[in-house]
Amino acid sequence: DGRLPCLMWAYPREFKSADAAGQISSSPFSFVRGSWGRPTFWLLRGYAIFDDPKMPIVGEGDSEPNDSFVEQLQINAQAAVDCVVEQLGIADPDRIAIGGHSYGAYMT
């Protein structure tokens, strides 16, 4: 039925090297619980969900992750939006909500 409204929720993480940022940290054995804050609630209402896209914030050498946090976050968020809009063709570019908690709130 065309492109969907999309909700993206992220929590960027800090790393001191690009190698460490590339490590997988999730489990294929996790379970989803039902609530308004979970993706299933919104999926059943016709939204595309991009839950927890990985957004590493890297500060290598003498540089700390927070030295370029906002710039890296903007690059990561734009790459995530480009993925669901251009590469996957799922999301409507005029109906994307981006949010996050803690460091993720800097995207809003």
PDB file of N, CA and C in Angstrom:
ATOM      1  N   ASP A   1       0.814  -1.201   0.000  1.00  0.00           N
ATOM      2  CA  ASP A   1       0.000   0.000   0.000  1.00  0.00           C
ATOM      3  C   ASP A   1       0.855   1.261   0.000  1.00  0.00           C
ATOM      4  N   GLY A   2       2.041   1.190  -0.511  1.00  0.00           N
ATOM      5  CA  GLY A   2       2.912   2.366  -0.534  1.00  0.00           C
ATOM      6  C   GLY A   2       3.806   2.452   0.681  1.00  0.00           C
ATOM      7  N   ARG A   3       4.466   3.559   0.786  1.00  0.00           N
ATOM      8  CA  ARG A   3       5.407   3.766   1.892  1.00  0.00           C
ATOM      9  C   ARG A   3       4.668   4.056   3.193  1.00  0.00           C
ATOM     10  N   LEU A   4       5.258   3.625   4.276  1.00  0.00           N
ATOM     11  CA  LEU A   4       4.632   3.712   5.592  1.00  0.00           C
ATOM     12  C   LEU A   4       5.211   4.842   6.431  1.00  0.00           C
ATOM     13  N   PRO A   5       4.421   5.341   7.392  1.00  0.00           N
ATOM     14  CA  PRO A   5       5.030   6.211   8.404  1.00  0.00           C
ATOM     15  C   PRO A   5       6.012   5.343   9.186  1.00  0.00           C
ATOM     16  N   CYS A   6       7.070   5.943   9.676  1.00  0.00           N
ATOM     17  CA  CYS A   6       8.127   5.158  10.319  1.00  0.00           C
ATOM     18  C   CYS A   6       8.530   5.778  11.651  1.00  0.00           C
ATOM     19  N   LEU A   7       8.715   4.926  12.646  1.00  0.00           N
ATOM     20  CA  LEU A   7       9.243   5.331  13.941  1.00  0.00           C
ATOM     21  C   LEU A   7      10.640   4.748  14.085  1.00  0.00           C
ATOM     22  N   MET A   8      11.611   5.603  14.394  1.00  0.00           N
ATOM     23  CA  MET A   8      12.969   5.140  14.632  1.00  0.00           C
ATOM     24  C   MET A   8      13.364   5.527  16.053  1.00  0.00           C
ATOM     25  N   TRP A   9      13.811   4.551  16.825  1.00  0.00           N
ATOM     26  CA  TRP A   9      14.205   4.782  18.213  1.00  0.00           C
ATOM     27  C   TRP A   9      15.619   4.264  18.381  1.00  0.00           C
ATOM     28  N   ALA A  10      16.520   5.101  18.860  1.00  0.00           N
ATOM     29  CA  ALA A  10      17.917   4.690  18.947  1.00  0.00           C
ATOM     30  C   ALA A  10      18.547   5.104  20.270  1.00  0.00           C
ATOM     31  N   TYR A  11      19.570   4.370  20.628  1.00  0.00           N
ATOM     32  CA  TYR A  11      20.400   4.693  21.779  1.00  0.00           C
ATOM     33  C   TYR A  11      21.860   4.572  21.342  1.00  0.00           C
ATOM     34  N   PRO A  12      22.479   5.692  20.935  1.00  0.00           N
ATOM     35  CA  PRO A  12      23.870   5.650  20.490  1.00  0.00           C
ATOM     36  C   PRO A  12      24.792   5.192  21.620  1.00  0.00           C
ATOM     37  N   ARG A  13      25.840   4.481  21.266  1.00  0.00           N
ATOM     38  CA  ARG A  13      26.810   4.002  22.249  1.00  0.00           C
ATOM     39  C   ARG A  13      28.189   4.529  21.912  1.00  0.00           C
ATOM     40  N   GLU A  14      28.978   4.768  22.947  1.00  0.00           N
ATOM     41  CA  GLU A  14      30.331   5.299  22.783  1.00  0.00           C
ATOM     42  C   GLU A  14      31.356   4.169  22.725  1.00  0.00           C
ATOM     43  N   PHE A  15      32.359   4.342  21.857  1.00  0.00           N
ATOM     44  CA  PHE A  15      33.444   3.378  21.737  1.00  0.00           C
ATOM     45  C   PHE A  15      34.752   4.136  21.569  1.00  0.00           C
ATOM     46  N   LYS A  16      35.840   3.520  21.993  1.00  0.00           N
ATOM     47  CA  LYS A  16      37.150   4.134  21.841  1.00  0.00           C
ATOM     48  C   LYS A  16      37.887   3.634  20.608  1.00  0.00           C
ATOM     49  N   SER A  17      37.267   2.732  19.831  1.00  0.00           N
ATOM     50  CA  SER A  17      37.886   2.297  18.584  1.00  0.00           C
ATOM     51  C   SER A  17      36.805   1.818  17.625  1.00  0.00           C
ATOM     52  N   ALA A  18      37.083   1.914  16.336  1.00  0.00           N
ATOM     53  CA  ALA A  18      36.140   1.428  15.326  1.00  0.00           C
ATOM     54  C   ALA A  18      35.998  -0.087  15.420  1.00  0.00           C
ATOM     55  N   ASP A  19      37.071  -0.796  15.792  1.00  0.00           N
ATOM     56  CA  ASP A  19      36.995  -2.244  15.943  1.00  0.00           C
ATOM     57  C   ASP A  19      36.002  -2.636  17.032  1.00  0.00           C
ATOM     58  N   ALA A  20      36.057  -1.954  18.158  1.00  0.00           N
ATOM     59  CA  ALA A  20      35.125  -2.255  19.250  1.00  0.00           C
ATOM     60  C   ALA A  20      33.697  -1.905  18.863  1.00  0.00           C
ATOM     61  N   ALA A  21      33.510  -0.872  18.069  1.00  0.00           N
ATOM     62  CA  ALA A  21      32.166  -0.451  17.663  1.00  0.00           C
ATOM     63  C   ALA A  21      31.503  -1.460  16.747  1.00  0.00           C
ATOM     64  N   GLY A  22      32.293  -2.300  16.083  1.00  0.00           N
ATOM     65  CA  GLY A  22      31.744  -3.263  15.144  1.00  0.00           C
ATOM     66  C   GLY A  22      31.302  -4.571  15.766  1.00  0.00           C
ATOM     67  N   GLN A  23      31.391  -4.696  17.077  1.00  0.00           N
ATOM     68  CA  GLN A  23      31.036  -5.954  17.736  1.00  0.00           C
ATOM     69  C   GLN A  23      29.535  -6.080  17.910  1.00  0.00           C
ATOM     70  N   ILE A  24      29.005  -7.284  17.776  1.00  0.00           N
ATOM     71  CA  ILE A  24      27.579  -7.555  17.962  1.00  0.00           C
ATOM     72  C   ILE A  24      27.298  -7.677  19.457  1.00  0.00           C
ATOM     73  N   SER A  25      26.245  -6.997  19.920  1.00  0.00           N
ATOM     74  CA  SER A  25      25.951  -7.020  21.355  1.00  0.00           C
ATOM     75  C   SER A  25      24.531  -7.477  21.669  1.00  0.00           C
ATOM     76  N   SER A  26      23.788  -7.948  20.678  1.00  0.00           N
ATOM     77  CA  SER A  26      22.414  -8.359  20.940  1.00  0.00           C
ATOM     78  C   SER A  26      22.313  -9.876  20.963  1.00  0.00           C
ATOM     79  N   SER A  27      21.183 -10.367  21.388  1.00  0.00           N
ATOM     80  CA  SER A  27      20.944 -11.800  21.461  1.00  0.00           C
ATOM     81  C   SER A  27      19.768 -12.180  20.566  1.00  0.00           C
ATOM     82  N   PRO A  28      19.895 -13.264  19.805  1.00  0.00           N
ATOM     83  CA  PRO A  28      18.763 -13.722  19.000  1.00  0.00           C
ATOM     84  C   PRO A  28      17.698 -14.412  19.849  1.00  0.00           C
ATOM     85  N   PHE A  29      17.954 -14.548  21.148  1.00  0.00           N
ATOM     86  CA  PHE A  29      17.037 -15.262  22.032  1.00  0.00           C
ATOM     87  C   PHE A  29      16.256 -14.329  22.955  1.00  0.00           C
ATOM     88  N   SER A  30      16.150 -13.045  22.597  1.00  0.00           N
ATOM     89  CA  SER A  30      15.387 -12.114  23.434  1.00  0.00           C
ATOM     90  C   SER A  30      13.909 -12.175  23.054  1.00  0.00           C
ATOM     91  N   PHE A  31      13.047 -11.773  23.975  1.00  0.00           N
ATOM     92  CA  PHE A  31      11.611 -11.829  23.768  1.00  0.00           C
ATOM     93  C   PHE A  31      11.003 -10.434  23.842  1.00  0.00           C
ATOM     94  N   VAL A  32       9.930 -10.224  23.108  1.00  0.00           N
ATOM     95  CA  VAL A  32       9.232  -8.947  23.082  1.00  0.00           C
ATOM     96  C   VAL A  32       8.046  -9.013  24.028  1.00  0.00           C
ATOM     97  N   ARG A  33       7.885  -8.000  24.834  1.00  0.00           N
ATOM     98  CA  ARG A  33       6.724  -7.901  25.716  1.00  0.00           C
ATOM     99  C   ARG A  33       5.796  -6.826  25.179  1.00  0.00           C
ATOM    100  N   GLY A  34       4.510  -7.040  25.316  1.00  0.00           N
ATOM    101  CA  GLY A  34       3.544  -6.100  24.774  1.00  0.00           C
ATOM    102  C   GLY A  34       3.351  -4.856  25.624  1.00  0.00           C
ATOM    103  N   SER A  35       3.506  -3.695  25.037  1.00  0.00           N
ATOM    104  CA  SER A  35       3.185  -2.406  25.656  1.00  0.00           C
ATOM    105  C   SER A  35       3.275  -1.346  24.568  1.00  0.00           C
ATOM    106  N   TRP A  36       2.776  -0.136  24.844  1.00  0.00           N
ATOM    107  CA  TRP A  36       2.805   0.934  23.848  1.00  0.00           C
ATOM    108  C   TRP A  36       4.231   1.310  23.471  1.00  0.00           C
ATOM    109  N   GLY A  37       5.177   1.030  24.328  1.00  0.00           N
ATOM    110  CA  GLY A  37       6.562   1.380  24.063  1.00  0.00           C
ATOM    111  C   GLY A  37       7.315   0.346  23.249  1.00  0.00           C
ATOM    112  N   ARG A  38       6.681  -0.728  22.882  1.00  0.00           N
ATOM    113  CA  ARG A  38       7.325  -1.788  22.109  1.00  0.00           C
ATOM    114  C   ARG A  38       6.921  -1.690  20.638  1.00  0.00           C
ATOM    115  N   PRO A  39       7.778  -2.149  19.735  1.00  0.00           N
ATOM    116  CA  PRO A  39       7.497  -2.047  18.299  1.00  0.00           C
ATOM    117  C   PRO A  39       6.196  -2.720  17.857  1.00  0.00           C
ATOM    118  N   THR A  40       5.837  -3.833  18.455  1.00  0.00           N
ATOM    119  CA  THR A  40       4.644  -4.572  18.020  1.00  0.00           C
ATOM    120  C   THR A  40       3.393  -3.711  18.087  1.00  0.00           C
ATOM    121  N   PHE A  41       3.265  -2.904  19.116  1.00  0.00           N
ATOM    122  CA  PHE A  41       2.110  -2.021  19.276  1.00  0.00           C
ATOM    123  C   PHE A  41       1.950  -1.132  18.045  1.00  0.00           C
ATOM    124  N   TRP A  42       3.061  -0.544  17.580  1.00  0.00           N
ATOM    125  CA  TRP A  42       3.028   0.382  16.450  1.00  0.00           C
ATOM    126  C   TRP A  42       2.935  -0.349  15.108  1.00  0.00           C
ATOM    127  N   LEU A  43       3.544  -1.527  15.005  1.00  0.00           N
ATOM    128  CA  LEU A  43       3.426  -2.320  13.783  1.00  0.00           C
ATOM    129  C   LEU A  43       1.967  -2.653  13.484  1.00  0.00           C
ATOM    130  N   LEU A  44       1.227  -3.013  14.531  1.00  0.00           N
ATOM    131  CA  LEU A  44      -0.181  -3.361  14.354  1.00  0.00           C
ATOM    132  C   LEU A  44      -1.042  -2.154  13.983  1.00  0.00           C
ATOM    133  N   ARG A  45      -0.491  -0.957  14.089  1.00  0.00           N
ATOM    134  CA  ARG A  45      -1.197   0.257  13.720  1.00  0.00           C
ATOM    135  C   ARG A  45      -0.708   0.828  12.392  1.00  0.00           C
ATOM    136  N   GLY A  46       0.073   0.043  11.650  1.00  0.00           N
ATOM    137  CA  GLY A  46       0.468   0.433  10.300  1.00  0.00           C
ATOM    138  C   GLY A  46       1.769   1.192  10.163  1.00  0.00           C
ATOM    139  N   TYR A  47       2.576   1.224  11.211  1.00  0.00           N
ATOM    140  CA  TYR A  47       3.861   1.919  11.143  1.00  0.00           C
ATOM    141  C   TYR A  47       4.982   0.945  10.803  1.00  0.00           C
ATOM    142  N   ALA A  48       5.976   1.437  10.087  1.00  0.00           N
ATOM    143  CA  ALA A  48       7.236   0.716   9.952  1.00  0.00           C
ATOM    144  C   ALA A  48       8.063   1.069  11.185  1.00  0.00           C
ATOM    145  N   ILE A  49       8.805   0.132  11.694  1.00  0.00           N
ATOM    146  CA  ILE A  49       9.612   0.356  12.896  1.00  0.00           C
ATOM    147  C   ILE A  49      11.075   0.090  12.581  1.00  0.00           C
ATOM    148  N   PHE A  50      11.908   1.045  12.919  1.00  0.00           N
ATOM    149  CA  PHE A  50      13.354   0.863  12.823  1.00  0.00           C
ATOM    150  C   PHE A  50      13.861   0.988  14.251  1.00  0.00           C
ATOM    151  N   ASP A  51      13.837  -0.127  14.971  1.00  0.00           N
ATOM    152  CA  ASP A  51      14.130  -0.137  16.398  1.00  0.00           C
ATOM    153  C   ASP A  51      15.603  -0.415  16.653  1.00  0.00           C
ATOM    154  N   ASP A  52      16.228   0.469  17.349  1.00  0.00           N
ATOM    155  CA  ASP A  52      17.607   0.333  17.788  1.00  0.00           C
ATOM    156  C   ASP A  52      18.618   0.177  16.658  1.00  0.00           C
ATOM    157  N   PRO A  53      18.568   1.073  15.645  1.00  0.00           N
ATOM    158  CA  PRO A  53      19.640   1.019  14.653  1.00  0.00           C
ATOM    159  C   PRO A  53      20.961   1.328  15.352  1.00  0.00           C
ATOM    160  N   LYS A  54      21.989   0.628  14.993  1.00  0.00           N
ATOM    161  CA  LYS A  54      23.285   0.825  15.651  1.00  0.00           C
ATOM    162  C   LYS A  54      23.886   2.152  15.219  1.00  0.00           C
ATOM    163  N   MET A  55      24.236   2.951  16.203  1.00  0.00           N
ATOM    164  CA  MET A  55      24.819   4.265  15.951  1.00  0.00           C
ATOM    165  C   MET A  55      26.050   4.441  16.827  1.00  0.00           C
ATOM    166  N   PRO A  56      27.156   3.838  16.413  1.00  0.00           N
ATOM    167  CA  PRO A  56      28.363   3.967  17.232  1.00  0.00           C
ATOM    168  C   PRO A  56      28.934   5.380  17.178  1.00  0.00           C
ATOM    169  N   ILE A  57      29.364   5.854  18.318  1.00  0.00           N
ATOM    170  CA  ILE A  57      30.044   7.144  18.425  1.00  0.00           C
ATOM    171  C   ILE A  57      31.473   6.814  18.830  1.00  0.00           C
ATOM    172  N   VAL A  58      32.424   7.087  17.939  1.00  0.00           N
ATOM    173  CA  VAL A  58      33.792   6.614  18.128  1.00  0.00           C
ATOM    174  C   VAL A  58      34.733   7.781  18.370  1.00  0.00           C
ATOM    175  N   GLY A  59      35.588   7.616  19.360  1.00  0.00           N
ATOM    176  CA  GLY A  59      36.661   8.565  19.622  1.00  0.00           C
ATOM    177  C   GLY A  59      37.954   7.791  19.733  1.00  0.00           C
ATOM    178  N   GLU A  60      38.763   7.816  18.690  1.00  0.00           N
ATOM    179  CA  GLU A  60      39.991   7.033  18.684  1.00  0.00           C
ATOM    180  C   GLU A  60      41.197   7.877  19.074  1.00  0.00           C
ATOM    181  N   GLY A  61      42.224   7.197  19.577  1.00  0.00           N
ATOM    182  CA  GLY A  61      43.452   7.892  19.967  1.00  0.00           C
ATOM    183  C   GLY A  61      43.195   8.848  21.119  1.00  0.00           C
ATOM    184  N   ASP A  62      43.656  10.083  20.960  1.00  0.00           N
ATOM    185  CA  ASP A  62      43.476  11.092  22.008  1.00  0.00           C
ATOM    186  C   ASP A  62      42.080  11.705  21.985  1.00  0.00           C
ATOM    187  N   SER A  63      41.318  11.442  20.965  1.00  0.00           N
ATOM    188  CA  SER A  63      39.965  11.979  20.823  1.00  0.00           C
ATOM    189  C   SER A  63      38.980  11.177  21.670  1.00  0.00           C
ATOM    190  N   GLU A  64      38.084  11.867  22.343  1.00  0.00           N
ATOM    191  CA  GLU A  64      37.028  11.220  23.116  1.00  0.00           C
ATOM    192  C   GLU A  64      35.754  11.182  22.278  1.00  0.00           C
ATOM    193  N   PRO A  65      34.886  10.183  22.487  1.00  0.00           N
ATOM    194  CA  PRO A  65      33.647  10.103  21.707  1.00  0.00           C
ATOM    195  C   PRO A  65      32.813  11.391  21.754  1.00  0.00           C
ATOM    196  N   ASN A  66      32.768  12.041  22.899  1.00  0.00           N
ATOM    197  CA  ASN A  66      31.957  13.258  23.019  1.00  0.00           C
ATOM    198  C   ASN A  66      32.535  14.452  22.267  1.00  0.00           C
ATOM    199  N   ASP A  67      33.799  14.366  21.842  1.00  0.00           N
ATOM    200  CA  ASP A  67      34.404  15.473  21.101  1.00  0.00           C
ATOM    201  C   ASP A  67      33.683  15.745  19.783  1.00  0.00           C
ATOM    202  N   SER A  68      33.136  14.699  19.174  1.00  0.00           N
ATOM    203  CA  SER A  68      32.416  14.875  17.906  1.00  0.00           C
ATOM    204  C   SER A  68      31.071  14.142  17.941  1.00  0.00           C
ATOM    205  N   PHE A  69      30.478  14.080  19.124  1.00  0.00           N
ATOM    206  CA  PHE A  69      29.251  13.307  19.326  1.00  0.00           C
ATOM    207  C   PHE A  69      28.115  13.751  18.408  1.00  0.00           C
ATOM    208  N   VAL A  70      27.793  15.030  18.415  1.00  0.00           N
ATOM    209  CA  VAL A  70      26.646  15.519  17.647  1.00  0.00           C
ATOM    210  C   VAL A  70      26.863  15.290  16.150  1.00  0.00           C
ATOM    211  N   GLU A  71      28.068  15.570  15.663  1.00  0.00           N
ATOM    212  CA  GLU A  71      28.340  15.384  14.242  1.00  0.00           C
ATOM    213  C   GLU A  71      28.188  13.912  13.840  1.00  0.00           C
ATOM    214  N   GLN A  72      28.749  12.992  14.660  1.00  0.00           N
ATOM    215  CA  GLN A  72      28.627  11.570  14.355  1.00  0.00           C
ATOM    216  C   GLN A  72      27.180  11.101  14.464  1.00  0.00           C
ATOM    217  N   LEU A  73      26.461  11.619  15.433  1.00  0.00           N
ATOM    218  CA  LEU A  73      25.058  11.240  15.610  1.00  0.00           C
ATOM    219  C   LEU A  73      24.230  11.668  14.401  1.00  0.00           C
ATOM    220  N   GLN A  74      24.462  12.872  13.909  1.00  0.00           N
ATOM    221  CA  GLN A  74      23.739  13.345  12.729  1.00  0.00           C
ATOM    222  C   GLN A  74      24.039  12.466  11.507  1.00  0.00           C
ATOM    223  N   ILE A  75      25.287  12.091  11.337  1.00  0.00           N
ATOM    224  CA  ILE A  75      25.670  11.230  10.217  1.00  0.00           C
ATOM    225  C   ILE A  75      24.989   9.870  10.348  1.00  0.00           C
ATOM    226  N   ASN A  76      25.010   9.302  11.544  1.00  0.00           N
ATOM    227  CA  ASN A  76      24.377   7.999  11.781  1.00  0.00           C
ATOM    228  C   ASN A  76      22.866   8.058  11.548  1.00  0.00           C
ATOM    229  N   ALA A  77      22.213   9.088  12.075  1.00  0.00           N
ATOM    230  CA  ALA A  77      20.758   9.210  11.924  1.00  0.00           C
ATOM    231  C   ALA A  77      20.377   9.387  10.457  1.00  0.00           C
ATOM    232  N   GLN A  78      21.145  10.199   9.714  1.00  0.00           N
ATOM    233  CA  GLN A  78      20.857  10.392   8.299  1.00  0.00           C
ATOM    234  C   GLN A  78      21.049   9.088   7.533  1.00  0.00           C
ATOM    235  N   ALA A  79      22.070   8.320   7.881  1.00  0.00           N
ATOM    236  CA  ALA A  79      22.295   7.031   7.216  1.00  0.00           C
ATOM    237  C   ALA A  79      21.141   6.074   7.488  1.00  0.00           C
ATOM    238  N   ALA A  80      20.610   6.083   8.709  1.00  0.00           N
ATOM    239  CA  ALA A  80      19.472   5.223   9.051  1.00  0.00           C
ATOM    240  C   ALA A  80      18.232   5.628   8.262  1.00  0.00           C
ATOM    241  N   VAL A  81      17.968   6.923   8.177  1.00  0.00           N
ATOM    242  CA  VAL A  81      16.817   7.414   7.410  1.00  0.00           C
ATOM    243  C   VAL A  81      16.991   7.060   5.929  1.00  0.00           C
ATOM    244  N   ASP A  82      18.187   7.293   5.388  1.00  0.00           N
ATOM    245  CA  ASP A  82      18.442   6.959   3.985  1.00  0.00           C
ATOM    246  C   ASP A  82      18.205   5.478   3.720  1.00  0.00           C
ATOM    247  N   CYS A  83      18.561   4.642   4.680  1.00  0.00           N
ATOM    248  CA  CYS A  83      18.379   3.200   4.519  1.00  0.00           C
ATOM    249  C   CYS A  83      16.902   2.834   4.381  1.00  0.00           C
ATOM    250  N   VAL A  84      16.053   3.305   5.302  1.00  0.00           N
ATOM    251  CA  VAL A  84      14.631   2.907   5.251  1.00  0.00           C
ATOM    252  C   VAL A  84      13.872   3.607   4.131  1.00  0.00           C
ATOM    253  N   VAL A  85      14.365   4.765   3.676  1.00  0.00           N
ATOM    254  CA  VAL A  85      13.687   5.490   2.597  1.00  0.00           C
ATOM    255  C   VAL A  85      14.206   5.050   1.226  1.00  0.00           C
ATOM    256  N   GLU A  86      15.511   5.160   1.022  1.00  0.00           N
ATOM    257  CA  GLU A  86      16.070   4.943  -0.312  1.00  0.00           C
ATOM    258  C   GLU A  86      16.435   3.486  -0.595  1.00  0.00           C
ATOM    259  N   GLN A  87      17.146   2.850   0.324  1.00  0.00           N
ATOM    260  CA  GLN A  87      17.613   1.497   0.067  1.00  0.00           C
ATOM    261  C   GLN A  87      16.500   0.466   0.198  1.00  0.00           C
ATOM    262  N   LEU A  88      15.721   0.546   1.285  1.00  0.00           N
ATOM    263  CA  LEU A  88      14.659  -0.436   1.511  1.00  0.00           C
ATOM    264  C   LEU A  88      13.331  -0.031   0.882  1.00  0.00           C
ATOM    265  N   GLY A  89      13.128   1.276   0.679  1.00  0.00           N
ATOM    266  CA  GLY A  89      11.891   1.762   0.075  1.00  0.00           C
ATOM    267  C   GLY A  89      10.653   1.544   0.927  1.00  0.00           C
ATOM    268  N   ILE A  90      10.811   1.501   2.242  1.00  0.00           N
ATOM    269  CA  ILE A  90       9.700   1.203   3.157  1.00  0.00           C
ATOM    270  C   ILE A  90       9.056   2.468   3.712  1.00  0.00           C
ATOM    271  N   ALA A  91       9.880   3.419   4.128  1.00  0.00           N
ATOM    272  CA  ALA A  91       9.379   4.573   4.866  1.00  0.00           C
ATOM    273  C   ALA A  91       9.051   5.759   3.962  1.00  0.00           C
ATOM    274  N   ASP A  92       8.032   6.494   4.361  1.00  0.00           N
ATOM    275  CA  ASP A  92       7.656   7.751   3.724  1.00  0.00           C
ATOM    276  C   ASP A  92       8.572   8.837   4.300  1.00  0.00           C
ATOM    277  N   PRO A  93       9.390   9.498   3.476  1.00  0.00           N
ATOM    278  CA  PRO A  93      10.345  10.474   4.007  1.00  0.00           C
ATOM    279  C   PRO A  93       9.690  11.660   4.708  1.00  0.00           C
ATOM    280  N   ASP A  94       8.407  11.905   4.439  1.00  0.00           N
ATOM    281  CA  ASP A  94       7.702  13.012   5.093  1.00  0.00           C
ATOM    282  C   ASP A  94       7.009  12.593   6.379  1.00  0.00           C
ATOM    283  N   ARG A  95       7.100  11.293   6.720  1.00  0.00           N
ATOM    284  CA  ARG A  95       6.428  10.802   7.932  1.00  0.00           C
ATOM    285  C   ARG A  95       7.348   9.889   8.724  1.00  0.00           C
ATOM    286  N   ILE A  96       8.488  10.434   9.139  1.00  0.00           N
ATOM    287  CA  ILE A  96       9.443   9.687   9.964  1.00  0.00           C
ATOM    288  C   ILE A  96       9.603  10.422  11.288  1.00  0.00           C
ATOM    289  N   ALA A  97       9.418   9.691  12.366  1.00  0.00           N
ATOM    290  CA  ALA A  97       9.657  10.238  13.699  1.00  0.00           C
ATOM    291  C   ALA A  97      10.920   9.579  14.243  1.00  0.00           C
ATOM    292  N   ILE A  98      11.838  10.393  14.726  1.00  0.00           N
ATOM    293  CA  ILE A  98      13.101   9.893  15.250  1.00  0.00           C
ATOM    294  C   ILE A  98      13.187  10.286  16.716  1.00  0.00           C
ATOM    295  N   GLY A  99      13.494   9.333  17.547  1.00  0.00           N
ATOM    296  CA  GLY A  99      13.604   9.617  18.972  1.00  0.00           C
ATOM    297  C   GLY A  99      14.596   8.690  19.636  1.00  0.00           C
ATOM    298  N   GLY A 100      14.829   8.954  20.888  1.00  0.00           N
ATOM    299  CA  GLY A 100      15.723   8.120  21.660  1.00  0.00           C
ATOM    300  C   GLY A 100      15.769   8.615  23.086  1.00  0.00           C
ATOM    301  N   HIS A 101      16.357   7.816  23.931  1.00  0.00           N
ATOM    302  CA  HIS A 101      16.497   8.231  25.325  1.00  0.00           C
ATOM    303  C   HIS A 101      17.980   8.495  25.612  1.00  0.00           C
ATOM    304  N   SER A 102      18.231   9.250  26.648  1.00  0.00           N
ATOM    305  CA  SER A 102      19.576   9.599  27.032  1.00  0.00           C
ATOM    306  C   SER A 102      20.291  10.244  25.844  1.00  0.00           C
ATOM    307  N   TYR A 103      21.417   9.669  25.394  1.00  0.00           N
ATOM    308  CA  TYR A 103      22.135  10.243  24.248  1.00  0.00           C
ATOM    309  C   TYR A 103      21.281  10.238  22.980  1.00  0.00           C
ATOM    310  N   GLY A 104      20.352   9.315  22.869  1.00  0.00           N
ATOM    311  CA  GLY A 104      19.485   9.267  21.693  1.00  0.00           C
ATOM    312  C   GLY A 104      18.591  10.483  21.576  1.00  0.00           C
ATOM    313  N   ALA A 105      18.329  11.154  22.690  1.00  0.00           N
ATOM    314  CA  ALA A 105      17.460  12.334  22.671  1.00  0.00           C
ATOM    315  C   ALA A 105      18.099  13.499  21.917  1.00  0.00           C
ATOM    316  N   TYR A 106      19.400  13.461  21.710  1.00  0.00           N
ATOM    317  CA  TYR A 106      20.062  14.516  20.940  1.00  0.00           C
ATOM    318  C   TYR A 106      19.640  14.518  19.479  1.00  0.00           C
ATOM    319  N   MET A 107      19.008  13.440  19.016  1.00  0.00           N
ATOM    320  CA  MET A 107      18.550  13.392  17.622  1.00  0.00           C
ATOM    321  C   MET A 107      17.275  14.174  17.425  1.00  0.00           C
ATOM    322  N   THR A 108      16.535  14.442  18.488  1.00  0.00           N
ATOM    323  CA  THR A 108      15.223  15.067  18.359  1.00  0.00           C
ATOM    324  C   THR A 108      15.313  16.581  18.353  1.00  0.00           C
TER     325      THR A 108
END
